[in-house]
ModelCIF file with pLDDT and N, C-alpha, C, O atoms, coordinates in Angstrom:
data_MODEL
#
_entry.id   MODEL 
#
_entity.id                         1 
_entity.type                       polymer 
_entity.pdbx_number_of_molecules   1 
#
_entity_poly.entity_id                      1 
_entity_poly.type                           'polypeptide(L)' 
_entity_poly.nstd_linkage                   no 
_entity_poly.nstd_monomer                   no 
_entity_poly.pdbx_seq_one_letter_code       
;(UNK)(UNK)(UNK)(UNK)(UNK)(UNK)(UNK)(UNK)(UNK)(UNK)(UNK)(UNK)(UNK)(UNK)(UNK)(UNK)
(UNK)(UNK)(UNK)(UNK)(UNK)(UNK)(UNK)(UNK)(UNK)(UNK)(UNK)(UNK)(UNK)(UNK)(UNK)(UNK)
(UNK)(UNK)(UNK)(UNK)(UNK)(UNK)(UNK)(UNK)(UNK)(UNK)(UNK)(UNK)(UNK)
;
_entity_poly.pdbx_seq_one_letter_code_can   XXXXXXXXXXXXXXXXXXXXXXXXXXXXXXXXXXXXXXXXXXXXX 
_entity_poly.pdbx_strand_id                 A 
#
loop_
_entity_poly_seq.entity_id 
_entity_poly_seq.num 
_entity_poly_seq.mon_id 
_entity_poly_seq.hetero 
1 1  UNK n 
1 2  UNK n 
1 3  UNK n 
1 4  UNK n 
1 5  UNK n 
1 6  UNK n 
1 7  UNK n 
1 8  UNK n 
1 9  UNK n 
1 10 UNK n 
1 11 UNK n 
1 12 UNK n 
1 13 UNK n 
1 14 UNK n 
1 15 UNK n 
1 16 UNK n 
1 17 UNK n 
1 18 UNK n 
1 19 UNK n 
1 20 UNK n 
1 21 UNK n 
1 22 UNK n 
1 23 UNK n 
1 24 UNK n 
1 25 UNK n 
1 26 UNK n 
1 27 UNK n 
1 28 UNK n 
1 29 UNK n 
1 30 UNK n 
1 31 UNK n 
1 32 UNK n 
1 33 UNK n 
1 34 UNK n 
1 35 UNK n 
1 36 UNK n 
1 37 UNK n 
1 38 UNK n 
1 39 UNK n 
1 40 UNK n 
1 41 UNK n 
1 42 UNK n 
1 43 UNK n 
1 44 UNK n 
1 45 UNK n 
#
_struct_asym.id          A 
_struct_asym.entity_id   1 
#
loop_
_ma_qa_metric.id 
_ma_qa_metric.mode 
_ma_qa_metric.name 
_ma_qa_metric.software_group_id 
_ma_qa_metric.type 
1 global pLDDT . pLDDT 
2 local  pLDDT . pLDDT 
#
_ma_qa_metric_global.metric_id      1 
_ma_qa_metric_global.metric_value   94.62 
_ma_qa_metric_global.model_id       1 
_ma_qa_metric_global.ordinal_id     1 
#
loop_
_ma_qa_metric_local.label_asym_id 
_ma_qa_metric_local.label_comp_id 
_ma_qa_metric_local.label_seq_id 
_ma_qa_metric_local.metric_id 
_ma_qa_metric_local.metric_value 
_ma_qa_metric_local.model_id 
_ma_qa_metric_local.ordinal_id 
A UNK 1  2 98.00 1 1  
A UNK 2  2 98.00 1 2  
A UNK 3  2 97.00 1 3  
A UNK 4  2 97.00 1 4  
A UNK 5  2 96.00 1 5  
A UNK 6  2 97.00 1 6  
A UNK 7  2 98.00 1 7  
A UNK 8  2 97.00 1 8  
A UNK 9  2 96.00 1 9  
A UNK 10 2 93.00 1 10 
A UNK 11 2 85.00 1 11 
A UNK 12 2 77.00 1 12 
A UNK 13 2 84.00 1 13 
A UNK 14 2 83.00 1 14 
A UNK 15 2 83.00 1 15 
A UNK 16 2 88.00 1 16 
A UNK 17 2 96.00 1 17 
A UNK 18 2 97.00 1 18 
A UNK 19 2 96.00 1 19 
A UNK 20 2 97.00 1 20 
A UNK 21 2 97.00 1 21 
A UNK 22 2 96.00 1 22 
A UNK 23 2 91.00 1 23 
A UNK 24 2 95.00 1 24 
A UNK 25 2 96.00 1 25 
A UNK 26 2 97.00 1 26 
A UNK 27 2 96.00 1 27 
A UNK 28 2 96.00 1 28 
A UNK 29 2 97.00 1 29 
A UNK 30 2 98.00 1 30 
A UNK 31 2 98.00 1 31 
A UNK 32 2 98.00 1 32 
A UNK 33 2 98.00 1 33 
A UNK 34 2 98.00 1 34 
A UNK 35 2 98.00 1 35 
A UNK 36 2 98.00 1 36 
A UNK 37 2 98.00 1 37 
A UNK 38 2 98.00 1 38 
A UNK 39 2 97.00 1 39 
A UNK 40 2 98.00 1 40 
A UNK 41 2 97.00 1 41 
A UNK 42 2 96.00 1 42 
A UNK 43 2 97.00 1 43 
A UNK 44 2 92.00 1 44 
A UNK 45 2 85.00 1 45 
#
loop_
_atom_site.group_PDB 
_atom_site.id 
_atom_site.type_symbol 
_atom_site.label_atom_id 
_atom_site.label_alt_id 
_atom_site.label_comp_id 
_atom_site.label_asym_id 
_atom_site.label_entity_id 
_atom_site.label_seq_id 
_atom_site.pdbx_PDB_ins_code 
_atom_site.Cartn_x 
_atom_site.Cartn_y 
_atom_site.Cartn_z 
_atom_site.occupancy 
_atom_site.B_iso_or_equiv 
_atom_site.pdbx_formal_charge 
_atom_site.auth_seq_id 
_atom_site.auth_comp_id 
_atom_site.auth_asym_id 
_atom_site.auth_atom_id 
_atom_site.pdbx_PDB_model_num 
ATOM 1   N N  . UNK A 1 1  ? -22.191 11.185 19.996 1.00 98.00 ? 1  UNK A N  1 
ATOM 2   C CA . UNK A 1 1  ? -22.028 10.199 21.113 1.00 98.00 ? 1  UNK A CA 1 
ATOM 3   C C  . UNK A 1 1  ? -23.530 9.995  21.702 1.00 98.00 ? 1  UNK A C  1 
ATOM 4   O O  . UNK A 1 1  ? -23.732 10.122 22.910 1.00 98.00 ? 1  UNK A O  1 
ATOM 5   N N  . UNK A 1 2  ? -24.505 9.695  20.851 1.00 98.00 ? 2  UNK A N  1 
ATOM 6   C CA . UNK A 1 2  ? -25.704 9.294  21.311 1.00 98.00 ? 2  UNK A CA 1 
ATOM 7   C C  . UNK A 1 2  ? -25.948 7.769  21.276 1.00 98.00 ? 2  UNK A C  1 
ATOM 8   O O  . UNK A 1 2  ? -25.371 7.008  20.499 1.00 98.00 ? 2  UNK A O  1 
ATOM 9   N N  . UNK A 1 3  ? -26.931 7.375  22.266 1.00 97.00 ? 3  UNK A N  1 
ATOM 10  C CA . UNK A 1 3  ? -27.093 5.887  22.385 1.00 97.00 ? 3  UNK A CA 1 
ATOM 11  C C  . UNK A 1 3  ? -28.113 5.389  21.529 1.00 97.00 ? 3  UNK A C  1 
ATOM 12  O O  . UNK A 1 3  ? -28.435 6.066  20.552 1.00 97.00 ? 3  UNK A O  1 
ATOM 13  N N  . UNK A 1 4  ? -28.717 4.200  21.780 1.00 97.00 ? 4  UNK A N  1 
ATOM 14  C CA . UNK A 1 4  ? -29.681 3.514  20.933 1.00 97.00 ? 4  UNK A CA 1 
ATOM 15  C C  . UNK A 1 4  ? -30.972 4.170  20.717 1.00 97.00 ? 4  UNK A C  1 
ATOM 16  O O  . UNK A 1 4  ? -31.702 3.820  19.790 1.00 97.00 ? 4  UNK A O  1 
ATOM 17  N N  . UNK A 1 5  ? -31.311 5.184  21.599 1.00 96.00 ? 5  UNK A N  1 
ATOM 18  C CA . UNK A 1 5  ? -32.569 5.801  21.437 1.00 96.00 ? 5  UNK A CA 1 
ATOM 19  C C  . UNK A 1 5  ? -32.496 6.755  20.234 1.00 96.00 ? 5  UNK A C  1 
ATOM 20  O O  . UNK A 1 5  ? -33.519 7.273  19.787 1.00 96.00 ? 5  UNK A O  1 
ATOM 21  N N  . UNK A 1 6  ? -31.266 6.985  19.708 1.00 97.00 ? 6  UNK A N  1 
ATOM 22  C CA . UNK A 1 6  ? -31.277 7.794  18.483 1.00 97.00 ? 6  UNK A CA 1 
ATOM 23  C C  . UNK A 1 6  ? -31.076 7.015  17.252 1.00 97.00 ? 6  UNK A C  1 
ATOM 24  O O  . UNK A 1 6  ? -30.697 7.571  16.221 1.00 97.00 ? 6  UNK A O  1 
ATOM 25  N N  . UNK A 1 7  ? -31.327 5.671  17.316 1.00 98.00 ? 7  UNK A N  1 
ATOM 26  C CA . UNK A 1 7  ? -31.185 4.818  16.071 1.00 98.00 ? 7  UNK A CA 1 
ATOM 27  C C  . UNK A 1 7  ? -32.315 5.135  15.239 1.00 98.00 ? 7  UNK A C  1 
ATOM 28  O O  . UNK A 1 7  ? -33.434 5.339  15.710 1.00 98.00 ? 7  UNK A O  1 
ATOM 29  N N  . UNK A 1 8  ? -32.030 5.182  13.934 1.00 97.00 ? 8  UNK A N  1 
ATOM 30  C CA . UNK A 1 8  ? -32.929 5.681  12.876 1.00 97.00 ? 8  UNK A CA 1 
ATOM 31  C C  . UNK A 1 8  ? -33.969 4.514  12.506 1.00 97.00 ? 8  UNK A C  1 
ATOM 32  O O  . UNK A 1 8  ? -35.179 4.716  12.407 1.00 97.00 ? 8  UNK A O  1 
ATOM 33  N N  . UNK A 1 9  ? -33.375 3.317  12.321 1.00 96.00 ? 9  UNK A N  1 
ATOM 34  C CA . UNK A 1 9  ? -34.297 2.247  11.778 1.00 96.00 ? 9  UNK A CA 1 
ATOM 35  C C  . UNK A 1 9  ? -33.850 0.938  12.394 1.00 96.00 ? 9  UNK A C  1 
ATOM 36  O O  . UNK A 1 9  ? -32.656 0.752  12.632 1.00 96.00 ? 9  UNK A O  1 
ATOM 37  N N  . UNK A 1 10 ? -34.762 0.034  12.656 1.00 93.00 ? 10 UNK A N  1 
ATOM 38  C CA . UNK A 1 10 ? -34.453 -1.319 12.971 1.00 93.00 ? 10 UNK A CA 1 
ATOM 39  C C  . UNK A 1 10 ? -35.194 -2.130 11.909 1.00 93.00 ? 10 UNK A C  1 
ATOM 40  O O  . UNK A 1 10 ? -36.418 -2.255 11.868 1.00 93.00 ? 10 UNK A O  1 
ATOM 41  N N  . UNK A 1 11 ? -34.338 -2.655 11.073 1.00 85.00 ? 11 UNK A N  1 
ATOM 42  C CA . UNK A 1 11 ? -34.879 -3.532 9.844  1.00 85.00 ? 11 UNK A CA 1 
ATOM 43  C C  . UNK A 1 11 ? -35.832 -4.589 10.260 1.00 85.00 ? 11 UNK A C  1 
ATOM 44  O O  . UNK A 1 11 ? -35.604 -5.247 11.275 1.00 85.00 ? 11 UNK A O  1 
ATOM 45  N N  . UNK A 1 12 ? -36.986 -4.809 9.464  1.00 77.00 ? 12 UNK A N  1 
ATOM 46  C CA . UNK A 1 12 ? -37.900 -5.787 9.871  1.00 77.00 ? 12 UNK A CA 1 
ATOM 47  C C  . UNK A 1 12 ? -38.895 -5.486 10.739 1.00 77.00 ? 12 UNK A C  1 
ATOM 48  O O  . UNK A 1 12 ? -39.695 -6.354 11.088 1.00 77.00 ? 12 UNK A O  1 
ATOM 49  N N  . UNK A 1 13 ? -38.963 -4.131 11.220 1.00 84.00 ? 13 UNK A N  1 
ATOM 50  C CA . UNK A 1 13 ? -39.990 -3.614 12.158 1.00 84.00 ? 13 UNK A CA 1 
ATOM 51  C C  . UNK A 1 13 ? -40.671 -2.405 11.630 1.00 84.00 ? 13 UNK A C  1 
ATOM 52  O O  . UNK A 1 13 ? -40.114 -1.583 10.902 1.00 84.00 ? 13 UNK A O  1 
ATOM 53  N N  . UNK A 1 14 ? -41.919 -2.337 12.036 1.00 83.00 ? 14 UNK A N  1 
ATOM 54  C CA . UNK A 1 14 ? -42.694 -1.200 11.693 1.00 83.00 ? 14 UNK A CA 1 
ATOM 55  C C  . UNK A 1 14 ? -43.104 -0.372 12.880 1.00 83.00 ? 14 UNK A C  1 
ATOM 56  O O  . UNK A 1 14 ? -43.636 -0.901 13.856 1.00 83.00 ? 14 UNK A O  1 
ATOM 57  N N  . UNK A 1 15 ? -42.870 0.893  12.813 1.00 83.00 ? 15 UNK A N  1 
ATOM 58  C CA . UNK A 1 15 ? -43.349 1.776  13.960 1.00 83.00 ? 15 UNK A CA 1 
ATOM 59  C C  . UNK A 1 15 ? -41.982 1.937  14.872 1.00 83.00 ? 15 UNK A C  1 
ATOM 60  O O  . UNK A 1 15 ? -41.221 0.996  15.097 1.00 83.00 ? 15 UNK A O  1 
ATOM 61  N N  . UNK A 1 16 ? -41.799 3.243  15.346 1.00 88.00 ? 16 UNK A N  1 
ATOM 62  C CA . UNK A 1 16 ? -40.751 3.666  16.151 1.00 88.00 ? 16 UNK A CA 1 
ATOM 63  C C  . UNK A 1 16 ? -39.402 3.814  15.307 1.00 88.00 ? 16 UNK A C  1 
ATOM 64  O O  . UNK A 1 16 ? -38.286 3.732  15.821 1.00 88.00 ? 16 UNK A O  1 
ATOM 65  N N  . UNK A 1 17 ? -39.614 4.019  14.085 1.00 96.00 ? 17 UNK A N  1 
ATOM 66  C CA . UNK A 1 17 ? -38.524 4.185  13.220 1.00 96.00 ? 17 UNK A CA 1 
ATOM 67  C C  . UNK A 1 17 ? -38.499 5.698  12.454 1.00 96.00 ? 17 UNK A C  1 
ATOM 68  O O  . UNK A 1 17 ? -39.537 6.356  12.381 1.00 96.00 ? 17 UNK A O  1 
ATOM 69  N N  . UNK A 1 18 ? -37.432 6.109  11.984 1.00 97.00 ? 18 UNK A N  1 
ATOM 70  C CA . UNK A 1 18 ? -37.377 7.209  11.127 1.00 97.00 ? 18 UNK A CA 1 
ATOM 71  C C  . UNK A 1 18 ? -37.738 8.562  11.866 1.00 97.00 ? 18 UNK A C  1 
ATOM 72  O O  . UNK A 1 18 ? -38.102 9.525  11.191 1.00 97.00 ? 18 UNK A O  1 
ATOM 73  N N  . UNK A 1 19 ? -37.650 8.642  13.134 1.00 96.00 ? 19 UNK A N  1 
ATOM 74  C CA . UNK A 1 19 ? -38.248 9.733  13.837 1.00 96.00 ? 19 UNK A CA 1 
ATOM 75  C C  . UNK A 1 19 ? -37.157 10.692 14.480 1.00 96.00 ? 19 UNK A C  1 
ATOM 76  O O  . UNK A 1 19 ? -37.372 11.879 14.724 1.00 96.00 ? 19 UNK A O  1 
ATOM 77  N N  . UNK A 1 20 ? -36.006 10.059 14.715 1.00 97.00 ? 20 UNK A N  1 
ATOM 78  C CA . UNK A 1 20 ? -35.061 10.913 15.438 1.00 97.00 ? 20 UNK A CA 1 
ATOM 79  C C  . UNK A 1 20 ? -34.539 12.059 14.689 1.00 97.00 ? 20 UNK A C  1 
ATOM 80  O O  . UNK A 1 20 ? -34.284 12.035 13.485 1.00 97.00 ? 20 UNK A O  1 
ATOM 81  N N  . UNK A 1 21 ? -34.382 13.147 15.533 1.00 97.00 ? 21 UNK A N  1 
ATOM 82  C CA . UNK A 1 21 ? -33.934 14.464 14.784 1.00 97.00 ? 21 UNK A CA 1 
ATOM 83  C C  . UNK A 1 21 ? -33.165 15.216 15.858 1.00 97.00 ? 21 UNK A C  1 
ATOM 84  O O  . UNK A 1 21 ? -33.340 14.976 17.052 1.00 97.00 ? 21 UNK A O  1 
ATOM 85  N N  . UNK A 1 22 ? -32.329 16.110 15.423 1.00 96.00 ? 22 UNK A N  1 
ATOM 86  C CA . UNK A 1 22 ? -31.606 17.107 16.344 1.00 96.00 ? 22 UNK A CA 1 
ATOM 87  C C  . UNK A 1 22 ? -32.405 18.258 16.660 1.00 96.00 ? 22 UNK A C  1 
ATOM 88  O O  . UNK A 1 22 ? -33.196 18.726 15.841 1.00 96.00 ? 22 UNK A O  1 
ATOM 89  N N  . UNK A 1 23 ? -32.235 18.738 17.811 1.00 91.00 ? 23 UNK A N  1 
ATOM 90  C CA . UNK A 1 23 ? -32.976 20.003 18.211 1.00 91.00 ? 23 UNK A CA 1 
ATOM 91  C C  . UNK A 1 23 ? -32.279 21.133 18.250 1.00 91.00 ? 23 UNK A C  1 
ATOM 92  O O  . UNK A 1 23 ? -32.819 22.214 18.482 1.00 91.00 ? 23 UNK A O  1 
ATOM 93  N N  . UNK A 1 24 ? -30.844 20.978 17.996 1.00 95.00 ? 24 UNK A N  1 
ATOM 94  C CA . UNK A 1 24 ? -29.960 22.263 17.944 1.00 95.00 ? 24 UNK A CA 1 
ATOM 95  C C  . UNK A 1 24 ? -28.735 21.876 17.144 1.00 95.00 ? 24 UNK A C  1 
ATOM 96  O O  . UNK A 1 24 ? -28.345 20.710 17.213 1.00 95.00 ? 24 UNK A O  1 
ATOM 97  N N  . UNK A 1 25 ? -28.133 22.702 16.436 1.00 96.00 ? 25 UNK A N  1 
ATOM 98  C CA . UNK A 1 25 ? -26.983 22.451 15.676 1.00 96.00 ? 25 UNK A CA 1 
ATOM 99  C C  . UNK A 1 25 ? -25.958 21.728 16.486 1.00 96.00 ? 25 UNK A C  1 
ATOM 100 O O  . UNK A 1 25 ? -25.981 21.770 17.716 1.00 96.00 ? 25 UNK A O  1 
ATOM 101 N N  . UNK A 1 26 ? -25.018 21.034 15.779 1.00 97.00 ? 26 UNK A N  1 
ATOM 102 C CA . UNK A 1 26 ? -23.871 20.285 16.344 1.00 97.00 ? 26 UNK A CA 1 
ATOM 103 C C  . UNK A 1 26 ? -22.997 21.493 17.035 1.00 97.00 ? 26 UNK A C  1 
ATOM 104 O O  . UNK A 1 26 ? -22.855 22.603 16.521 1.00 97.00 ? 26 UNK A O  1 
ATOM 105 N N  . UNK A 1 27 ? -22.492 21.122 18.169 1.00 96.00 ? 27 UNK A N  1 
ATOM 106 C CA . UNK A 1 27 ? -21.526 21.973 18.884 1.00 96.00 ? 27 UNK A CA 1 
ATOM 107 C C  . UNK A 1 27 ? -20.222 22.142 18.139 1.00 96.00 ? 27 UNK A C  1 
ATOM 108 O O  . UNK A 1 27 ? -19.886 21.294 17.313 1.00 96.00 ? 27 UNK A O  1 
ATOM 109 N N  . UNK A 1 28 ? -19.431 23.259 18.409 1.00 96.00 ? 28 UNK A N  1 
ATOM 110 C CA . UNK A 1 28 ? -18.226 23.470 17.672 1.00 96.00 ? 28 UNK A CA 1 
ATOM 111 C C  . UNK A 1 28 ? -17.053 22.341 17.975 1.00 96.00 ? 28 UNK A C  1 
ATOM 112 O O  . UNK A 1 28 ? -16.035 22.172 17.303 1.00 96.00 ? 28 UNK A O  1 
ATOM 113 N N  . UNK A 1 29 ? -17.407 21.697 19.018 1.00 97.00 ? 29 UNK A N  1 
ATOM 114 C CA . UNK A 1 29 ? -16.359 20.591 19.360 1.00 97.00 ? 29 UNK A CA 1 
ATOM 115 C C  . UNK A 1 29 ? -16.406 19.501 18.245 1.00 97.00 ? 29 UNK A C  1 
ATOM 116 O O  . UNK A 1 29 ? -15.403 18.871 17.910 1.00 97.00 ? 29 UNK A O  1 
ATOM 117 N N  . UNK A 1 30 ? -17.657 19.321 17.686 1.00 98.00 ? 30 UNK A N  1 
ATOM 118 C CA . UNK A 1 30 ? -17.738 18.377 16.662 1.00 98.00 ? 30 UNK A CA 1 
ATOM 119 C C  . UNK A 1 30 ? -16.987 18.754 15.363 1.00 98.00 ? 30 UNK A C  1 
ATOM 120 O O  . UNK A 1 30 ? -16.295 17.970 14.713 1.00 98.00 ? 30 UNK A O  1 
ATOM 121 N N  . UNK A 1 31 ? -17.192 19.947 15.091 1.00 98.00 ? 31 UNK A N  1 
ATOM 122 C CA . UNK A 1 31 ? -16.318 20.510 14.003 1.00 98.00 ? 31 UNK A CA 1 
ATOM 123 C C  . UNK A 1 31 ? -14.852 20.524 14.121 1.00 98.00 ? 31 UNK A C  1 
ATOM 124 O O  . UNK A 1 31 ? -14.138 20.347 13.133 1.00 98.00 ? 31 UNK A O  1 
ATOM 125 N N  . UNK A 1 32 ? -14.379 20.730 15.312 1.00 98.00 ? 32 UNK A N  1 
ATOM 126 C CA . UNK A 1 32 ? -13.056 20.724 15.687 1.00 98.00 ? 32 UNK A CA 1 
ATOM 127 C C  . UNK A 1 32 ? -12.504 19.269 15.563 1.00 98.00 ? 32 UNK A C  1 
ATOM 128 O O  . UNK A 1 32 ? -11.417 19.071 15.021 1.00 98.00 ? 32 UNK A O  1 
ATOM 129 N N  . UNK A 1 33 ? -13.214 18.317 16.037 1.00 98.00 ? 33 UNK A N  1 
ATOM 130 C CA . UNK A 1 33 ? -12.947 16.809 15.848 1.00 98.00 ? 33 UNK A CA 1 
ATOM 131 C C  . UNK A 1 33 ? -12.817 16.473 14.527 1.00 98.00 ? 33 UNK A C  1 
ATOM 132 O O  . UNK A 1 33 ? -11.853 15.790 14.182 1.00 98.00 ? 33 UNK A O  1 
ATOM 133 N N  . UNK A 1 34 ? -13.710 16.879 13.655 1.00 98.00 ? 34 UNK A N  1 
ATOM 134 C CA . UNK A 1 34 ? -13.718 16.495 12.239 1.00 98.00 ? 34 UNK A CA 1 
ATOM 135 C C  . UNK A 1 34 ? -12.439 17.120 11.605 1.00 98.00 ? 34 UNK A C  1 
ATOM 136 O O  . UNK A 1 34 ? -11.690 16.425 10.918 1.00 98.00 ? 34 UNK A O  1 
ATOM 137 N N  . UNK A 1 35 ? -12.210 18.364 11.829 1.00 98.00 ? 35 UNK A N  1 
ATOM 138 C CA . UNK A 1 35 ? -10.945 19.011 11.246 1.00 98.00 ? 35 UNK A CA 1 
ATOM 139 C C  . UNK A 1 35 ? -9.788  18.262 11.671 1.00 98.00 ? 35 UNK A C  1 
ATOM 140 O O  . UNK A 1 35 ? -8.936  18.020 10.815 1.00 98.00 ? 35 UNK A O  1 
ATOM 141 N N  . UNK A 1 36 ? -9.615  17.854 12.854 1.00 98.00 ? 36 UNK A N  1 
ATOM 142 C CA . UNK A 1 36 ? -8.435  17.222 13.293 1.00 98.00 ? 36 UNK A CA 1 
ATOM 143 C C  . UNK A 1 36 ? -8.298  15.847 12.687 1.00 98.00 ? 36 UNK A C  1 
ATOM 144 O O  . UNK A 1 36 ? -7.190  15.437 12.344 1.00 98.00 ? 36 UNK A O  1 
ATOM 145 N N  . UNK A 1 37 ? -9.455  15.081 12.537 1.00 98.00 ? 37 UNK A N  1 
ATOM 146 C CA . UNK A 1 37 ? -9.381  13.855 11.822 1.00 98.00 ? 37 UNK A CA 1 
ATOM 147 C C  . UNK A 1 37 ? -9.014  13.946 10.306 1.00 98.00 ? 37 UNK A C  1 
ATOM 148 O O  . UNK A 1 37 ? -8.304  13.084 9.787  1.00 98.00 ? 37 UNK A O  1 
ATOM 149 N N  . UNK A 1 38 ? -9.453  14.883 9.688  1.00 98.00 ? 38 UNK A N  1 
ATOM 150 C CA . UNK A 1 38 ? -9.209  15.121 8.266  1.00 98.00 ? 38 UNK A CA 1 
ATOM 151 C C  . UNK A 1 38 ? -7.756  15.438 8.034  1.00 98.00 ? 38 UNK A C  1 
ATOM 152 O O  . UNK A 1 38 ? -7.150  14.917 7.097  1.00 98.00 ? 38 UNK A O  1 
ATOM 153 N N  . UNK A 1 39 ? -7.159  16.316 8.900  1.00 97.00 ? 39 UNK A N  1 
ATOM 154 C CA . UNK A 1 39 ? -5.805  16.529 8.776  1.00 97.00 ? 39 UNK A CA 1 
ATOM 155 C C  . UNK A 1 39 ? -4.977  15.333 8.963  1.00 97.00 ? 39 UNK A C  1 
ATOM 156 O O  . UNK A 1 39 ? -4.110  14.992 8.158  1.00 97.00 ? 39 UNK A O  1 
ATOM 157 N N  . UNK A 1 40 ? -5.276  14.677 10.088 1.00 98.00 ? 40 UNK A N  1 
ATOM 158 C CA . UNK A 1 40 ? -4.529  13.591 10.541 1.00 98.00 ? 40 UNK A CA 1 
ATOM 159 C C  . UNK A 1 40 ? -4.513  12.454 9.468  1.00 98.00 ? 40 UNK A C  1 
ATOM 160 O O  . UNK A 1 40 ? -3.471  11.852 9.206  1.00 98.00 ? 40 UNK A O  1 
ATOM 161 N N  . UNK A 1 41 ? -5.688  12.185 8.865  1.00 97.00 ? 41 UNK A N  1 
ATOM 162 C CA . UNK A 1 41 ? -5.739  11.067 7.972  1.00 97.00 ? 41 UNK A CA 1 
ATOM 163 C C  . UNK A 1 41 ? -5.978  11.451 6.480  1.00 97.00 ? 41 UNK A C  1 
ATOM 164 O O  . UNK A 1 41 ? -6.457  10.633 5.695  1.00 97.00 ? 41 UNK A O  1 
ATOM 165 N N  . UNK A 1 42 ? -5.642  12.683 6.118  1.00 96.00 ? 42 UNK A N  1 
ATOM 166 C CA . UNK A 1 42 ? -5.561  13.254 4.717  1.00 96.00 ? 42 UNK A CA 1 
ATOM 167 C C  . UNK A 1 42 ? -6.915  12.962 4.013  1.00 96.00 ? 42 UNK A C  1 
ATOM 168 O O  . UNK A 1 42 ? -7.020  12.346 2.952  1.00 96.00 ? 42 UNK A O  1 
ATOM 169 N N  . UNK A 1 43 ? -7.958  13.494 4.754  1.00 97.00 ? 43 UNK A N  1 
ATOM 170 C CA . UNK A 1 43 ? -9.408  13.224 4.033  1.00 97.00 ? 43 UNK A CA 1 
ATOM 171 C C  . UNK A 1 43 ? -9.732  14.648 3.584  1.00 97.00 ? 43 UNK A C  1 
ATOM 172 O O  . UNK A 1 43 ? -10.878 14.976 3.893  1.00 97.00 ? 43 UNK A O  1 
ATOM 173 N N  . UNK A 1 44 ? -9.161  15.406 3.060  1.00 92.00 ? 44 UNK A N  1 
ATOM 174 C CA . UNK A 1 44 ? -9.488  16.842 2.618  1.00 92.00 ? 44 UNK A CA 1 
ATOM 175 C C  . UNK A 1 44 ? -10.028 16.901 1.302  1.00 92.00 ? 44 UNK A C  1 
ATOM 176 O O  . UNK A 1 44 ? -10.499 17.979 0.940  1.00 92.00 ? 44 UNK A O  1 
ATOM 177 N N  . UNK A 1 45 ? -10.044 15.834 0.446  1.00 85.00 ? 45 UNK A N  1 
ATOM 178 C CA . UNK A 1 45 ? -10.518 15.560 -0.831 1.00 85.00 ? 45 UNK A CA 1 
ATOM 179 C C  . UNK A 1 45 ? -9.546  16.067 -2.025 1.00 85.00 ? 45 UNK A C  1 
ATOM 180 O O  . UNK A 1 45 ? -9.862  15.880 -3.200 1.00 85.00 ? 45 UNK A O  1 
#
């Protein structure tokens, strides 16, 4: 749930691109959200 400051690239521009990175692993709440979505929409491969 990050805003525009976490954008990776703006096409047609040079500078201020490609720099965003995480400073900590994603929290367990993200893993739980993914699991629920996979089960609900049958995306388990």
